[in-house]
N, C-alpha and C. Protein backbone atom coordinates (compact mmCIF):
# COMPACT_ATOMS: atom_id res chain seq x y z
N UNK A 1 0.75 -24.11 -18.55
CA UNK A 1 -0.74 -23.29 -18.30
C UNK A 1 -2.00 -24.25 -17.75
N UNK A 2 -2.75 -23.78 -17.06
CA UNK A 2 -3.68 -24.58 -16.36
C UNK A 2 -4.60 -24.50 -16.72
N UNK A 3 -5.20 -26.01 -17.14
CA UNK A 3 -6.44 -25.99 -17.63
C UNK A 3 -7.67 -25.80 -16.50
N UNK A 4 -8.75 -24.69 -17.81
CA UNK A 4 -9.43 -24.05 -16.76
C UNK A 4 -11.03 -25.15 -17.05
N UNK A 5 -10.71 -26.28 -17.84
CA UNK A 5 -12.26 -26.83 -17.87
C UNK A 5 -12.35 -28.11 -18.06
N UNK A 6 -11.53 -28.92 -17.52
CA UNK A 6 -11.33 -30.14 -16.90
C UNK A 6 -11.84 -30.98 -17.91
N UNK A 7 -11.65 -32.49 -18.03
CA UNK A 7 -12.52 -33.25 -18.41
C UNK A 7 -13.03 -33.94 -17.50
N UNK A 8 -12.15 -33.94 -16.49
CA UNK A 8 -12.56 -35.34 -15.34
C UNK A 8 -12.72 -34.06 -14.34
N UNK A 9 -13.63 -34.39 -13.46
CA UNK A 9 -13.19 -33.81 -11.79
C UNK A 9 -11.86 -34.14 -11.14
N UNK A 10 -11.23 -34.86 -11.66
CA UNK A 10 -10.36 -35.95 -10.65
C UNK A 10 -8.96 -34.29 -11.18
N UNK A 11 -9.09 -33.91 -12.23
CA UNK A 11 -8.03 -32.92 -13.31
C UNK A 11 -8.11 -31.95 -12.49
N UNK A 12 -8.76 -31.75 -11.13
CA UNK A 12 -8.98 -30.07 -11.02
C UNK A 12 -7.12 -29.91 -10.22
N UNK A 13 -6.50 -28.89 -9.77
CA UNK A 13 -5.55 -28.82 -9.65
C UNK A 13 -5.33 -27.19 -8.69
N UNK A 14 -4.88 -27.70 -7.66
CA UNK A 14 -5.00 -26.15 -6.61
C UNK A 14 -4.08 -25.31 -7.04
N UNK A 15 -3.87 -24.14 -7.31
CA UNK A 15 -3.07 -23.25 -7.87
C UNK A 15 -2.14 -22.84 -6.43
N UNK A 16 -0.52 -23.06 -6.71
CA UNK A 16 -0.18 -22.38 -5.55
C UNK A 16 0.29 -21.09 -5.76
N UNK A 17 0.17 -20.14 -5.05
CA UNK A 17 0.15 -18.90 -4.14
C UNK A 17 2.48 -18.73 -5.51
N UNK A 18 1.57 -17.16 -5.57
CA UNK A 18 3.47 -17.30 -6.06
C UNK A 18 4.08 -16.94 -5.38
N UNK A 19 5.37 -16.55 -5.22
CA UNK A 19 6.55 -16.83 -4.39
C UNK A 19 6.58 -15.81 -3.74
N UNK A 20 5.99 -14.62 -3.85
CA UNK A 20 6.28 -13.61 -3.12
C UNK A 20 4.98 -13.88 -2.10
N UNK A 21 3.86 -14.12 -2.71
CA UNK A 21 2.42 -13.94 -2.22
C UNK A 21 2.38 -14.31 -0.79
N UNK A 22 3.60 -16.24 -1.33
CA UNK A 22 3.75 -17.41 0.30
C UNK A 22 4.46 -16.47 0.97
N UNK A 23 5.67 -15.93 0.56
CA UNK A 23 6.63 -15.09 1.63
C UNK A 23 6.12 -13.84 2.87
N UNK A 24 4.63 -13.16 1.66
CA UNK A 24 4.33 -12.28 1.95
C UNK A 24 3.17 -12.35 3.31
N UNK A 25 2.60 -13.95 3.19
CA UNK A 25 2.00 -14.17 4.62
C UNK A 25 2.63 -14.17 5.96
N UNK A 26 3.96 -14.60 5.83
CA UNK A 26 5.12 -14.64 6.63
C UNK A 26 4.94 -13.58 7.63
N UNK A 27 4.76 -13.36 8.67
CA UNK A 27 4.77 -11.69 9.23
C UNK A 27 6.56 -12.10 10.12
N UNK A 28 7.07 -12.73 10.35
CA UNK A 28 8.61 -12.96 10.43
C UNK A 28 9.61 -12.73 9.55
N UNK A 29 9.06 -13.42 8.69
CA UNK A 29 9.90 -13.03 7.32
C UNK A 29 9.95 -11.61 7.07
N UNK A 30 8.64 -11.17 6.28
CA UNK A 30 8.67 -10.24 6.22
C UNK A 30 9.37 -8.80 6.36
N UNK A 31 8.91 -9.19 8.24
CA UNK A 31 9.84 -7.50 8.98
C UNK A 31 10.79 -8.19 8.77
N UNK A 32 11.66 -9.08 8.92
CA UNK A 32 13.14 -9.41 8.94
C UNK A 32 13.25 -8.73 7.60
N UNK A 33 13.25 -9.38 6.78
CA UNK A 33 13.19 -9.19 5.66
C UNK A 33 13.86 -7.53 5.07
N UNK A 34 12.76 -6.63 5.78
CA UNK A 34 12.41 -4.84 5.74
C UNK A 34 13.24 -4.57 6.76
N UNK A 35 13.55 -5.01 7.87
CA UNK A 35 14.53 -4.46 8.72
C UNK A 35 16.32 -4.90 8.18
N UNK A 36 16.37 -5.85 7.31
CA UNK A 36 17.37 -5.19 7.02
C UNK A 36 17.76 -5.25 6.09
N UNK A 37 16.87 -5.35 4.77
CA UNK A 37 16.80 -4.07 3.89
C UNK A 37 17.14 -2.58 4.09
N UNK A 38 16.09 -2.04 5.01
CA UNK A 38 16.27 -0.89 5.53
C UNK A 38 17.13 -0.34 5.98
N UNK A 39 18.21 -1.42 6.75
CA UNK A 39 19.61 -0.52 7.62
C UNK A 39 20.04 -0.90 6.69
N UNK A 40 20.52 -1.58 5.88
CA UNK A 40 21.66 -1.76 4.67
C UNK A 40 21.12 -0.39 3.12
N UNK A 41 19.81 0.08 2.72
CA UNK A 41 19.32 0.93 2.78
C UNK A 41 20.09 2.15 3.01
N UNK A 42 19.92 2.67 4.24
CA UNK A 42 20.61 3.08 5.24
C UNK A 42 22.37 3.79 5.06
N UNK A 43 22.81 2.35 5.43
CA UNK A 43 23.84 2.42 5.02
C UNK A 43 24.66 3.18 4.04
N UNK A 44 23.62 2.73 2.67
CA UNK A 44 24.36 3.13 1.17
C UNK A 44 24.05 4.40 1.31
N UNK A 45 23.03 5.78 1.67
CA UNK A 45 22.41 6.46 1.87
C UNK A 45 23.12 7.36 1.95
N UNK A 46 23.82 6.90 3.43
CA UNK A 46 25.03 7.52 4.65
C UNK A 46 26.39 8.10 4.11
N UNK A 47 26.28 6.69 3.45
CA UNK A 47 28.04 6.97 3.23
C UNK A 47 28.26 6.87 2.34
N UNK A 48 27.58 6.88 0.67
CA UNK A 48 27.73 7.23 -0.88
C UNK A 48 26.96 8.43 -1.35
N UNK A 49 26.12 9.15 -0.46
CA UNK A 49 25.06 9.73 -1.81
C UNK A 49 25.69 11.71 -1.16
N UNK A 50 25.00 12.31 -1.97
CA UNK A 50 25.42 13.64 -1.61
C UNK A 50 25.19 14.23 -0.47
N UNK A 51 25.11 15.32 -0.66
CA UNK A 51 25.26 16.13 0.87
C UNK A 51 23.76 17.21 0.78
N UNK A 52 22.91 17.23 0.34
CA UNK A 52 21.88 18.08 -0.24
C UNK A 52 20.65 18.14 0.81
N UNK A 53 19.86 18.88 1.23
CA UNK A 53 18.03 18.27 1.18
C UNK A 53 17.45 17.69 0.22
N UNK A 54 17.88 17.51 -1.25
CA UNK A 54 16.73 16.87 -1.85
C UNK A 54 17.03 15.81 -1.97
N UNK A 55 18.47 15.76 -2.01
CA UNK A 55 18.68 14.19 -1.76
C UNK A 55 18.49 13.03 -1.06
N UNK A 56 18.61 14.17 0.35
CA UNK A 56 18.30 13.14 1.49
C UNK A 56 17.07 12.71 2.00
N UNK A 57 15.99 13.89 1.30
CA UNK A 57 14.20 13.74 1.45
C UNK A 57 13.94 13.13 0.56
N UNK A 58 14.42 12.89 -0.71
CA UNK A 58 14.29 11.76 -1.76
C UNK A 58 14.47 10.80 -1.08
N UNK A 59 15.72 10.29 -0.31
CA UNK A 59 16.29 8.77 -0.26
C UNK A 59 15.41 8.38 0.84
N UNK A 60 14.88 9.59 1.89
CA UNK A 60 14.45 9.18 3.19
C UNK A 60 12.95 8.33 2.97
N UNK A 61 12.14 9.60 1.35
CA UNK A 61 10.64 9.39 1.04
C UNK A 61 10.74 7.98 0.48
N UNK A 62 12.01 7.37 -0.37
CA UNK A 62 11.76 6.20 -0.83
C UNK A 62 11.94 4.59 -0.16
N UNK A 63 12.72 5.02 1.03
CA UNK A 63 12.82 3.98 2.25
C UNK A 63 11.76 4.28 2.96
N UNK A 64 10.81 4.76 2.61
CA UNK A 64 9.54 4.97 3.71
C UNK A 64 8.52 4.29 2.92
N UNK A 65 8.04 4.63 1.55
CA UNK A 65 7.92 4.17 0.75
C UNK A 65 8.12 2.43 0.68
N UNK A 66 9.56 1.44 0.59
CA UNK A 66 9.62 0.78 0.77
C UNK A 66 8.97 -0.13 1.92
N UNK A 67 9.29 0.55 3.02
CA UNK A 67 8.66 0.30 4.64
C UNK A 67 7.31 -0.69 4.31
N UNK A 68 6.47 1.52 3.83
CA UNK A 68 4.97 0.79 3.83
C UNK A 68 4.51 -0.07 2.78
N UNK A 69 5.23 -0.31 2.00
CA UNK A 69 4.95 -0.95 1.12
C UNK A 69 5.11 -2.42 1.40
N UNK A 70 6.03 -2.65 1.97
CA UNK A 70 6.20 -4.09 2.44
C UNK A 70 4.92 -4.71 3.58
N UNK A 71 5.03 -3.62 4.16
CA UNK A 71 3.94 -3.88 5.55
C UNK A 71 2.54 -3.94 4.98
N UNK A 72 2.36 -2.99 3.79
CA UNK A 72 0.89 -3.05 3.01
C UNK A 72 1.08 -4.79 2.05
N UNK A 73 1.71 -4.50 1.98
CA UNK A 73 1.77 -6.28 1.47
C UNK A 73 2.08 -7.42 2.03
N UNK A 74 2.40 -6.90 3.35
CA UNK A 74 1.99 -8.18 4.58
C UNK A 74 -0.04 -8.15 4.94
N UNK A 75 0.25 -6.89 5.37
CA UNK A 75 -1.48 -6.55 5.85
C UNK A 75 -2.38 -7.32 4.42
N UNK A 76 -1.92 -6.97 3.17
CA UNK A 76 -3.54 -7.24 2.62
C UNK A 76 -3.30 -8.54 2.31
N UNK A 77 -2.72 -9.61 3.09
CA UNK A 77 -3.27 -11.49 3.26
C UNK A 77 -4.38 -11.45 4.17
N UNK A 78 -4.50 -10.28 5.23
CA UNK A 78 -5.32 -10.24 6.12
C UNK A 78 -6.09 -9.40 6.67
N UNK A 79 -7.24 -9.83 7.67
CA UNK A 79 -8.40 -9.06 7.67
C UNK A 79 -8.10 -8.09 8.34
N UNK A 80 -9.24 -6.98 8.66
CA UNK A 80 -8.76 -5.65 9.41
C UNK A 80 -8.74 -6.34 10.63
N UNK A 81 -9.36 -6.87 10.96
CA UNK A 81 -9.60 -7.36 13.21
C UNK A 81 -7.90 -7.73 12.99
N UNK A 82 -7.49 -8.35 11.97
CA UNK A 82 -5.46 -8.78 12.66
C UNK A 82 -4.94 -7.26 12.29
N UNK A 83 -5.30 -6.51 11.81
CA UNK A 83 -4.09 -5.58 11.58
C UNK A 83 -3.77 -4.75 12.68
N UNK A 84 -4.89 -4.65 14.21
CA UNK A 84 -4.25 -4.61 15.24
C UNK A 84 -2.98 -5.07 16.53
N UNK A 85 -3.00 -6.66 15.70
CA UNK A 85 -1.63 -6.92 16.42
C UNK A 85 -0.87 -7.66 15.62
N UNK A 86 -0.85 -7.51 14.13
CA UNK A 86 0.10 -7.70 12.87
C UNK A 86 1.31 -6.27 12.79
N UNK A 87 0.66 -5.37 12.94
CA UNK A 87 1.55 -3.97 12.08
C UNK A 87 1.96 -3.80 13.82
N UNK A 88 2.06 -3.81 15.19
CA UNK A 88 2.78 -3.55 16.01
C UNK A 88 4.23 -4.77 16.34
N UNK A 89 3.57 -6.34 16.10
CA UNK A 89 4.23 -7.23 15.60
C UNK A 89 5.28 -6.97 14.43
N UNK A 90 4.93 -6.46 14.01
CA UNK A 90 5.26 -6.13 12.41
C UNK A 90 6.78 -4.97 13.00
N UNK A 91 6.51 -3.87 13.43
CA UNK A 91 7.31 -2.72 14.00
C UNK A 91 8.38 -2.99 15.28
N UNK A 92 8.09 -4.10 15.82
CA UNK A 92 9.20 -4.90 16.95
C UNK A 92 10.28 -5.04 16.14
N UNK A 93 9.86 -6.56 15.21
CA UNK A 93 10.66 -7.32 14.39
C UNK A 93 11.26 -7.20 13.63
N UNK A 94 10.99 -6.16 12.98
CA UNK A 94 11.30 -5.07 12.14
C UNK A 94 12.49 -4.06 12.42
N UNK A 95 11.94 -3.73 13.84
CA UNK A 95 13.45 -3.04 14.20
C UNK A 95 14.24 -3.77 15.52
N UNK A 96 14.07 -5.00 15.67
CA UNK A 96 14.81 -5.77 15.89
C UNK A 96 15.78 -6.64 14.78
N UNK A 97 15.49 -6.61 14.04
CA UNK A 97 16.35 -7.03 12.53
C UNK A 97 17.38 -6.23 11.65
N UNK A 98 16.63 -4.83 12.58
CA UNK A 98 17.37 -3.55 11.44
C UNK A 98 18.78 -3.23 12.48
N UNK A 99 18.37 -3.42 13.97
CA UNK A 99 19.61 -3.36 15.09
C UNK A 99 20.36 -4.81 15.04
N UNK A 100 19.72 -5.79 14.85
CA UNK A 100 20.78 -6.93 14.63
C UNK A 100 22.04 -6.63 13.65
N UNK A 101 21.07 -6.19 12.55
CA UNK A 101 22.51 -6.14 10.93
C UNK A 101 23.32 -4.63 11.29
N UNK A 102 22.46 -2.88 12.31
CA UNK A 102 23.44 -2.34 13.31
C UNK A 102 24.39 -2.92 13.70
N UNK A 103 24.46 -4.03 14.63
CA UNK A 103 25.25 -4.57 15.38
C UNK A 103 26.38 -5.31 14.39
N UNK A 104 25.91 -6.16 13.98
CA UNK A 104 26.88 -6.52 12.90
C UNK A 104 28.21 -5.49 12.00
N UNK A 105 27.36 -4.50 11.86
CA UNK A 105 27.34 -3.48 10.56
C UNK A 105 28.46 -2.09 11.31
N UNK A 106 28.40 -2.57 12.93
CA UNK A 106 29.38 -2.20 14.25
C UNK A 106 30.79 -2.63 14.02
N UNK A 107 30.12 -4.07 14.27
CA UNK A 107 31.15 -4.84 14.75
C UNK A 107 32.16 -4.72 14.13
N UNK A 108 31.87 -4.83 12.29
CA UNK A 108 32.49 -4.76 10.80
C UNK A 108 33.10 -2.80 10.76
N UNK A 109 32.59 -2.11 11.91
CA UNK A 109 33.35 -0.21 11.81
C UNK A 109 32.34 -0.46 10.16
N UNK A 110 31.30 -0.56 10.28
CA UNK A 110 31.03 0.25 8.76
C UNK A 110 29.44 0.74 8.78
N UNK A 111 28.72 1.03 10.31
CA UNK A 111 27.94 1.49 10.31
C UNK A 111 27.69 3.52 10.51
N UNK A 112 27.27 3.95 9.99
CA UNK A 112 27.43 5.04 9.97
C UNK A 112 26.25 5.47 11.11
N UNK A 113 26.94 7.02 11.82
CA UNK A 113 26.05 7.33 12.30
C UNK A 113 26.65 9.40 12.41
N UNK A 114 25.82 9.55 11.43
CA UNK A 114 25.72 11.42 11.22
C UNK A 114 27.11 11.01 10.17
N UNK A 115 28.18 11.74 10.34
CA UNK A 115 29.40 11.85 9.34
C UNK A 115 30.66 11.05 9.74
N UNK A 116 30.31 10.43 10.96
CA UNK A 116 31.30 9.07 11.50
C UNK A 116 30.65 8.09 11.90
N UNK A 117 31.48 7.15 11.84
CA UNK A 117 31.13 5.51 12.15
C UNK A 117 30.27 5.37 13.78
N UNK A 118 29.47 4.29 13.60
CA UNK A 118 28.84 4.77 14.84
C UNK A 118 29.79 3.64 15.76
N UNK A 119 29.54 3.35 16.93
CA UNK A 119 30.36 2.72 18.08
C UNK A 119 29.21 2.01 18.95
N UNK A 120 29.41 1.11 19.77
CA UNK A 120 28.82 0.43 20.45
C UNK A 120 28.30 1.55 21.69
N UNK A 121 28.58 2.25 22.04
CA UNK A 121 27.62 3.29 23.07
C UNK A 121 26.44 3.62 21.89
N UNK A 122 26.40 4.43 20.50
CA UNK A 122 25.68 4.64 20.14
C UNK A 122 24.62 3.49 19.83
N UNK A 123 24.46 2.06 19.84
CA UNK A 123 24.17 1.32 19.43
C UNK A 123 22.19 1.27 20.03
N UNK A 124 22.23 1.97 21.78
CA UNK A 124 20.56 1.44 22.20
C UNK A 124 20.42 2.85 21.89
N UNK A 125 20.35 4.14 21.22
CA UNK A 125 20.38 5.06 21.07
C UNK A 125 19.92 5.41 19.46
N UNK A 126 20.39 4.48 18.94
CA UNK A 126 19.96 4.39 17.55
C UNK A 126 18.45 3.76 17.03
N UNK A 127 18.59 1.81 18.48
CA UNK A 127 17.94 1.58 18.37
C UNK A 127 16.46 1.71 18.95
N UNK A 128 16.29 3.17 20.06
CA UNK A 128 15.27 3.93 20.75
C UNK A 128 14.53 4.81 19.11
N UNK A 129 15.54 5.33 18.74
CA UNK A 129 15.54 6.14 17.92
C UNK A 129 14.90 5.28 16.48
N UNK A 130 15.27 4.37 16.13
CA UNK A 130 14.08 3.85 14.87
C UNK A 130 13.04 2.97 15.46
N UNK A 131 13.02 2.50 16.42
CA UNK A 131 11.79 2.33 17.13
C UNK A 131 11.14 2.98 17.34
N UNK A 132 11.32 4.54 17.58
CA UNK A 132 10.01 5.70 17.46
C UNK A 132 9.96 5.53 16.05
N UNK A 133 10.64 6.23 15.46
CA UNK A 133 10.58 6.71 13.71
C UNK A 133 10.02 5.40 13.11
N UNK A 134 9.92 4.55 13.23
CA UNK A 134 9.84 2.96 12.38
C UNK A 134 8.40 2.54 12.71
N UNK A 135 8.21 2.71 14.14
CA UNK A 135 6.90 2.02 14.59
C UNK A 135 5.89 2.91 15.03
N UNK A 136 6.37 4.45 14.47
CA UNK A 136 5.05 5.61 14.38
C UNK A 136 5.16 5.25 13.37
N UNK A 137 5.81 5.62 12.00
CA UNK A 137 5.47 5.36 10.21
C UNK A 137 4.47 4.13 10.36
N UNK A 138 5.00 2.86 10.80
CA UNK A 138 4.44 1.80 10.82
C UNK A 138 2.75 1.92 10.99
N UNK A 139 2.54 2.30 12.62
CA UNK A 139 1.47 2.46 12.70
C UNK A 139 0.44 3.50 12.29
N UNK A 140 1.24 4.69 11.92
CA UNK A 140 0.49 5.97 11.58
C UNK A 140 0.00 5.04 9.81
N UNK A 141 0.42 4.55 9.54
CA UNK A 141 0.21 4.19 8.27
C UNK A 141 -1.32 2.69 8.26
N UNK A 142 -0.98 1.78 8.85
CA UNK A 142 -1.94 1.11 9.12
C UNK A 142 -3.07 1.29 9.66
N UNK A 143 -3.25 2.61 10.36
CA UNK A 143 -4.68 2.82 10.73
C UNK A 143 -5.54 4.01 9.23
N UNK A 144 -4.06 4.46 8.66
CA UNK A 144 -4.44 4.95 7.50
C UNK A 144 -5.06 4.33 6.65
N UNK A 145 -4.61 2.91 6.27
CA UNK A 145 -4.79 1.64 5.33
C UNK A 145 -6.25 1.46 6.23
N UNK A 146 -6.52 1.08 7.05
CA UNK A 146 -7.49 0.69 7.71
C UNK A 146 -8.82 1.35 7.55
N UNK A 147 -8.46 2.36 7.74
CA UNK A 147 -9.06 3.70 7.30
C UNK A 147 -10.06 3.59 5.94
N UNK A 148 -8.77 3.27 4.71
CA UNK A 148 -9.43 3.02 3.54
C UNK A 148 -9.68 2.03 3.43
N UNK A 149 -9.77 0.85 4.29
CA UNK A 149 -9.73 -0.29 3.63
C UNK A 149 -11.63 -0.34 3.86
N UNK A 150 -11.99 -0.03 4.97
CA UNK A 150 -12.96 -0.25 5.55
C UNK A 150 -14.00 1.57 4.88
N UNK A 151 -13.68 2.28 4.11
CA UNK A 151 -14.15 3.09 3.58
C UNK A 151 -14.61 2.48 2.04
N UNK A 152 -14.03 2.06 1.53
CA UNK A 152 -14.16 1.10 0.08
C UNK A 152 -15.17 0.06 0.57
N UNK A 153 -14.88 -0.50 1.68
CA UNK A 153 -15.33 -2.05 1.62
C UNK A 153 -17.23 -1.69 1.78
N UNK A 154 -17.43 0.04 2.27
CA UNK A 154 -18.95 0.20 3.07
C UNK A 154 -19.37 1.09 1.71
N UNK A 155 -18.52 1.20 0.84
CA UNK A 155 -19.16 2.43 -0.33
C UNK A 155 -19.11 1.33 -1.49
N UNK A 156 -17.85 1.01 -2.01
CA UNK A 156 -17.80 0.31 -3.45
C UNK A 156 -18.46 -1.08 -3.23
N UNK A 157 -17.63 -1.76 -2.29
CA UNK A 157 -18.49 -3.07 -2.30
C UNK A 157 -19.76 -3.33 -1.50
N UNK A 158 -20.48 -2.32 -1.01
CA UNK A 158 -21.72 -2.42 -0.65
C UNK A 158 -22.58 -2.24 -1.60
N UNK A 159 -21.87 -1.53 -2.55
CA UNK A 159 -23.10 -1.24 -4.13
C UNK A 159 -22.84 -2.46 -4.99
N UNK A 160 -22.13 -3.28 -4.84
CA UNK A 160 -21.85 -4.39 -5.74
C UNK A 160 -23.35 -5.17 -5.05
N UNK A 161 -23.18 -5.21 -3.71
CA UNK A 161 -24.08 -6.55 -3.48
C UNK A 161 -25.08 -6.26 -3.46
N UNK A 162 -25.72 -4.84 -3.62
CA UNK A 162 -26.73 -4.49 -3.76
C UNK A 162 -27.33 -4.68 -4.96
N UNK A 163 -26.71 -4.49 -6.13
CA UNK A 163 -26.65 -4.50 -7.46
C UNK A 163 -26.80 -5.93 -7.40
N UNK A 164 -25.67 -7.10 -6.96
CA UNK A 164 -26.73 -8.28 -7.46
C UNK A 164 -27.30 -9.07 -6.47
N UNK A 165 -27.81 -8.50 -5.57
CA UNK A 165 -29.07 -8.84 -4.98
C UNK A 165 -30.22 -8.76 -5.48
N UNK A 166 -30.45 -6.97 -6.05
CA UNK A 166 -31.47 -6.64 -7.04
C UNK A 166 -31.85 -8.41 -8.02
N UNK A 167 -30.50 -7.88 -8.70
CA UNK A 167 -30.33 -9.43 -10.03
C UNK A 167 -30.87 -10.63 -9.42
N UNK A 168 -30.59 -10.75 -7.96
CA UNK A 168 -31.13 -11.90 -7.54
C UNK A 168 -32.75 -12.14 -7.65
N UNK A 169 -33.21 -10.94 -6.61
CA UNK A 169 -34.04 -10.61 -6.80
C UNK A 169 -35.37 -10.92 -8.00
N UNK A 170 -34.57 -9.84 -9.11
CA UNK A 170 -35.46 -9.71 -10.43
C UNK A 170 -35.58 -11.44 -11.30
N UNK A 171 -34.21 -11.94 -10.74
CA UNK A 171 -34.82 -13.54 -11.45
C UNK A 171 -35.41 -14.11 -11.03
N UNK A 172 -35.54 -13.82 -9.66
CA UNK A 172 -36.80 -14.92 -8.80
C UNK A 172 -37.83 -14.42 -9.37
N UNK A 173 -38.11 -13.43 -9.49
CA UNK A 173 -39.62 -12.95 -9.56
C UNK A 173 -39.90 -12.55 -11.15
N UNK A 174 -38.67 -13.16 -11.59
CA UNK A 174 -39.17 -13.19 -13.00
C UNK A 174 -39.26 -11.53 -14.03
N UNK A 175 -38.76 -10.44 -13.21
CA UNK A 175 -38.64 -8.90 -13.42
C UNK A 175 -37.90 -8.46 -14.70
N UNK A 176 -37.24 -9.27 -14.96
CA UNK A 176 -35.89 -8.99 -16.40
C UNK A 176 -36.51 -9.71 -17.22
N UNK A 177 -37.58 -10.94 -17.52
CA UNK A 177 -38.35 -11.31 -18.68
C UNK A 177 -39.44 -10.84 -19.20
N UNK A 178 -39.69 -10.44 -20.54
CA UNK A 178 -40.35 -9.99 -21.16
C UNK A 178 -42.13 -11.43 -20.94
N UNK A 179 -43.06 -10.54 -20.59
CA UNK A 179 -44.30 -11.80 -20.60
C UNK A 179 -44.48 -11.85 -21.98
N UNK A 180 -45.43 -13.09 -22.37
CA UNK A 180 -45.57 -13.70 -23.50
C UNK A 180 -47.13 -13.87 -23.57
């Protein structure tokens, strides 16, 4: 347990961020892990699942939530102005790592392509499809997230700043204190 009120100023220690927080700051690491896990999740869903629309829709939604959750965890560490270049790079690196995983799975004859196993001639088409679907999802979510963050900053944060400014002005003029 850290000491919040040390006896000497030399006792102050900077606390290291938690492991996931440190991990989430790295664009490459987050995108690579996301791409590998999305591809393995896709493999498991397509080879070991039921064949009905409810199952496929639910698993698609769960995969999408994971994808945008990892993206959000990464973008939350940075200001809005950096979203414009971080999101496209995240999409490119995520799809590249996903396709590297796919190539490995094709090499060991485990990559599904519908109801059959994928072959090397399917790889480019699957990569373009992944780039289109994941890239659009990432860019769309980034736009929504940026809009929500900006809206919250303009409404809630500004109200808090206005309240603090009024309190500072009141304290400076002595308006909060009864006259004696």
